[in-house]
Amino acid sequence: MVDPNEYHFLTTWRVEGTTGEVADVLRDPLELVRWWPAVYLAADELEGADMRGLGQRVRLRTKGWLPYTLQWEFVVTESRYPERFGFDATGDFRGRGLWTLTQDGAHVHVTFDWKIRTEQALLQMLAPVIRPVLEANHRWEMAQGEESLRLELLRRRAATPDAWRSVPPPPGPVTYAAVGILAGAAVIGASLGCLVLRQRRRARARRKA
């Protein structure tokens, strides 16, 4: 039987660049708030990395489009620049993440393997009901990450101030107000759908009579 609090996500991106360029972006967690602001709200280094790139410990606060935030930490446990690095996570969830970068001509295949178990009491209680929503939330977060990474790479390659300013800003976080609007629209849409269905049933009943 599958534990409803355990998740395994496998995400793949494809971006133009080199593995070194992409690794330089992804391996600097303190910059996540700047270039991936849709998800990363705060990042604080608790311990620095050693000469091999291992041992760095960072505290993070993150969110998706759902109206809650997560507090967690990670420590880098694997580092093979620029092709691979992994970390262990603890806090509101516990697990392991692994980034793998592969050069393919002028592009880089980016794979993120993320195995976690939720530890937050509310998420555990609601897991059997909202699991599909949490999975959709993660897919949304990673889609924002791919777009944000593309923009960050363009920004770093900009040769002039005008070229740098021409790159659009990364997608920002969804506000609770926006979530409320989306939820309200969903409720209105469902209500209208029920009303149309009811009218059709009444029309069919009148025809039969």
Protein backbone atom coordinates (compact mmCIF):
# COMPACT_ATOMS: atom_id res chain seq x y z
CA MET A 1 0.00 0.00 0.00
CA VAL A 2 1.32 3.44 -0.98
CA ASP A 3 1.87 5.86 1.90
CA PRO A 4 -0.18 8.99 1.00
CA ASN A 5 2.48 11.16 2.66
CA GLU A 6 5.31 9.93 0.41
CA TYR A 7 5.98 11.51 -2.97
CA HIS A 8 8.40 10.84 -5.82
CA PHE A 9 8.71 13.57 -8.45
CA LEU A 10 10.90 13.33 -11.55
CA THR A 11 11.19 16.61 -13.45
CA THR A 12 13.06 17.23 -16.71
CA TRP A 13 13.99 20.58 -18.22
CA ARG A 14 15.78 21.46 -21.45
CA VAL A 15 17.54 24.84 -21.62
CA GLU A 16 20.06 26.42 -23.93
CA GLY A 17 23.53 26.69 -22.41
CA THR A 18 26.32 24.61 -20.90
CA THR A 19 26.29 22.36 -17.86
CA GLY A 20 28.70 24.78 -16.19
CA GLU A 21 26.36 27.74 -16.72
CA VAL A 22 23.36 25.85 -15.38
CA ALA A 23 25.29 24.39 -12.44
CA ASP A 24 26.52 27.84 -11.44
CA VAL A 25 22.89 28.97 -11.18
CA LEU A 26 21.43 25.93 -9.44
CA ARG A 27 24.33 25.44 -7.00
CA ASP A 28 23.96 28.90 -5.46
CA PRO A 29 20.93 28.50 -3.16
CA LEU A 30 21.23 32.00 -1.70
CA GLU A 31 20.33 33.40 -5.13
CA LEU A 32 17.15 31.32 -5.47
CA VAL A 33 15.00 34.09 -3.99
CA ARG A 34 16.14 36.47 -6.74
CA TRP A 35 15.81 34.32 -9.87
CA TRP A 36 13.09 31.79 -8.77
CA PRO A 37 10.85 34.05 -6.66
CA ALA A 38 7.63 32.21 -7.55
CA VAL A 39 8.73 29.47 -5.11
CA TYR A 40 11.63 30.66 -2.93
CA LEU A 41 10.70 33.37 -0.43
CA ALA A 42 13.76 33.22 1.85
CA ALA A 43 17.15 31.48 1.92
CA ASP A 44 19.71 31.68 4.73
CA GLU A 45 23.03 29.85 4.87
CA LEU A 46 23.63 28.07 8.17
CA GLU A 47 26.91 26.36 7.25
CA GLY A 48 29.24 26.84 4.31
CA ALA A 49 30.47 24.14 1.93
CA ASP A 50 33.87 22.49 2.20
CA MET A 51 36.49 22.38 -0.58
CA ARG A 52 34.59 19.55 -2.29
CA GLY A 53 31.32 21.48 -2.29
CA LEU A 54 29.82 19.29 0.44
CA GLY A 55 28.23 20.15 3.77
CA GLN A 56 26.55 23.42 2.86
CA ARG A 57 23.40 23.79 4.97
CA VAL A 58 20.67 26.26 4.04
CA ARG A 59 17.33 27.17 5.64
CA LEU A 60 14.52 27.89 3.16
CA ARG A 61 10.97 29.19 3.11
CA THR A 62 9.02 28.19 0.02
CA LYS A 63 5.52 28.16 -1.43
CA GLY A 64 3.62 27.28 -4.59
CA TRP A 65 0.21 28.48 -5.72
CA LEU A 66 -1.46 26.93 -2.68
CA PRO A 67 -2.02 29.31 0.28
CA TYR A 68 0.62 27.93 2.67
CA THR A 69 4.39 28.11 3.10
CA LEU A 70 6.92 25.42 4.00
CA GLN A 71 9.94 25.79 6.27
CA TRP A 72 12.79 23.37 5.58
CA GLU A 73 16.54 22.92 5.47
CA PHE A 74 18.90 21.06 3.20
CA VAL A 75 22.49 19.92 3.43
CA VAL A 76 24.54 19.12 0.32
CA THR A 77 25.59 15.46 0.45
CA GLU A 78 26.81 14.90 -3.12
CA SER A 79 28.72 17.23 -5.43
CA ARG A 80 30.25 16.41 -8.80
CA TYR A 81 30.48 19.73 -10.61
CA PRO A 82 29.01 20.42 -13.08
CA GLU A 83 27.07 17.24 -13.80
CA ARG A 84 25.50 16.19 -10.50
CA PHE A 85 24.73 17.32 -6.97
CA GLY A 86 22.34 16.08 -4.29
CA PHE A 87 21.06 17.11 -0.90
CA ASP A 88 19.09 15.80 2.08
CA ALA A 89 16.08 17.80 3.25
CA THR A 90 14.48 18.10 6.70
CA GLY A 91 11.70 20.22 8.18
CA ASP A 92 8.09 20.35 6.97
CA PHE A 93 9.11 17.48 4.71
CA ARG A 94 11.98 15.02 4.75
CA GLY A 95 13.76 13.41 1.83
CA ARG A 96 16.41 13.71 -0.84
CA GLY A 97 16.82 15.73 -4.02
CA LEU A 98 19.25 15.05 -6.87
CA TRP A 99 20.05 17.37 -9.79
CA THR A 100 21.64 15.80 -12.89
CA LEU A 101 22.89 17.90 -15.84
CA THR A 102 23.74 16.44 -19.25
CA GLN A 103 25.13 18.38 -22.21
CA ASP A 104 23.33 17.82 -25.52
CA GLY A 105 24.82 20.05 -28.18
CA ALA A 106 23.86 23.63 -27.42
CA HIS A 107 21.36 22.56 -24.76
CA VAL A 108 21.41 21.02 -21.29
CA HIS A 109 19.08 18.31 -20.10
CA VAL A 110 18.26 19.01 -16.44
CA THR A 111 16.75 16.26 -14.32
CA PHE A 112 15.54 16.72 -10.76
CA ASP A 113 14.76 13.55 -8.81
CA TRP A 114 12.83 14.47 -5.63
CA LYS A 115 11.77 11.86 -3.06
CA ILE A 116 10.10 13.28 0.04
CA ARG A 117 7.73 12.54 2.87
CA THR A 118 5.56 15.32 4.28
CA GLU A 119 6.07 15.99 7.99
CA GLN A 120 3.71 18.93 8.44
CA ALA A 121 0.73 17.79 10.53
CA LEU A 122 -1.91 19.52 8.42
CA LEU A 123 -0.58 18.08 5.16
CA GLN A 124 -0.42 14.61 6.67
CA MET A 125 -4.02 14.85 7.88
CA LEU A 126 -5.30 16.03 4.48
CA ALA A 127 -3.00 13.89 2.30
CA PRO A 128 -5.61 11.27 1.25
CA VAL A 129 -7.86 14.05 -0.04
CA ILE A 130 -5.51 16.70 -1.43
CA ARG A 131 -2.65 14.56 -2.76
CA PRO A 132 -3.52 15.31 -6.44
CA VAL A 133 -3.57 19.03 -5.60
CA LEU A 134 -0.15 18.85 -3.93
CA GLU A 135 1.23 17.00 -6.96
CA ALA A 136 -0.20 19.68 -9.29
CA ASN A 137 1.31 22.35 -7.03
CA HIS A 138 4.77 20.78 -7.40
CA ARG A 139 4.44 20.59 -11.19
CA TRP A 140 3.53 24.28 -11.25
CA GLU A 141 6.54 25.15 -9.08
CA MET A 142 8.93 23.32 -11.39
CA ALA A 143 7.41 24.90 -14.50
CA GLN A 144 8.10 28.32 -12.96
CA GLY A 145 11.64 27.14 -12.24
CA GLU A 146 12.33 26.16 -15.85
CA GLU A 147 11.10 29.51 -17.17
CA SER A 148 13.00 31.39 -14.46
CA LEU A 149 16.21 29.48 -15.27
CA ARG A 150 15.95 30.35 -18.96
CA LEU A 151 15.56 34.02 -18.09
CA GLU A 152 18.46 33.93 -15.62
CA LEU A 153 20.76 32.40 -18.22
CA LEU A 154 19.81 35.14 -20.70
CA ARG A 155 20.42 37.74 -18.01
CA ARG A 156 23.90 36.37 -17.24
CA ARG A 157 24.84 36.34 -20.93
CA ALA A 158 23.72 39.91 -21.54
CA ALA A 159 26.68 41.84 -22.95
CA THR A 160 25.32 45.35 -22.36
CA PRO A 161 23.12 47.08 -19.76
CA ASP A 162 20.39 47.49 -22.41
CA ALA A 163 20.50 43.76 -23.18
CA TRP A 164 20.28 42.97 -19.47
CA ARG A 165 17.27 45.28 -19.02
CA SER A 166 15.53 43.71 -22.01
CA VAL A 167 15.24 40.34 -20.27
CA PRO A 168 11.81 40.04 -18.61
CA PRO A 169 11.69 39.51 -14.83
CA PRO A 170 11.04 35.97 -13.58
CA PRO A 171 7.48 34.95 -12.72
CA GLY A 172 6.69 36.02 -9.17
CA PRO A 173 4.84 34.29 -6.34
CA VAL A 174 1.09 33.78 -6.49
CA THR A 175 -0.57 35.95 -3.87
CA TYR A 176 -3.31 34.68 -1.60
CA ALA A 177 -5.64 37.17 -3.28
CA ALA A 178 -4.92 35.56 -6.64
CA VAL A 179 -5.58 32.13 -5.19
CA GLY A 180 -8.89 33.42 -3.84
CA ILE A 181 -9.82 34.77 -7.25
CA LEU A 182 -9.00 31.45 -8.89
CA ALA A 183 -10.96 29.55 -6.25
CA GLY A 184 -13.90 31.91 -6.65
CA ALA A 185 -13.82 31.50 -10.41
CA ALA A 186 -13.78 27.72 -9.99
CA VAL A 187 -16.79 27.86 -7.67
CA ILE A 188 -18.69 30.13 -10.06
CA GLY A 189 -17.82 27.89 -12.99
CA ALA A 190 -18.98 24.79 -11.14
CA SER A 191 -22.22 26.53 -10.11
CA LEU A 192 -22.93 27.61 -13.67
CA GLY A 193 -22.22 24.10 -14.90
CA CYS A 194 -24.67 22.64 -12.38
CA LEU A 195 -27.29 25.21 -13.39
CA VAL A 196 -26.92 24.39 -17.10
CA LEU A 197 -27.10 20.67 -16.37
CA ARG A 198 -30.25 21.17 -14.25
CA GLN A 199 -31.92 23.19 -17.01
CA ARG A 200 -31.13 20.49 -19.57
CA ARG A 201 -32.61 17.80 -17.33
CA ARG A 202 -35.77 19.84 -16.85
CA ALA A 203 -36.06 20.40 -20.62
CA ARG A 204 -35.69 16.65 -21.30
CA ALA A 205 -38.31 15.89 -18.63
CA ARG A 206 -40.79 18.34 -20.24
CA ARG A 207 -40.24 16.79 -23.69
CA LYS A 208 -40.91 13.30 -22.32
CA ALA A 209 -44.09 14.53 -20.62
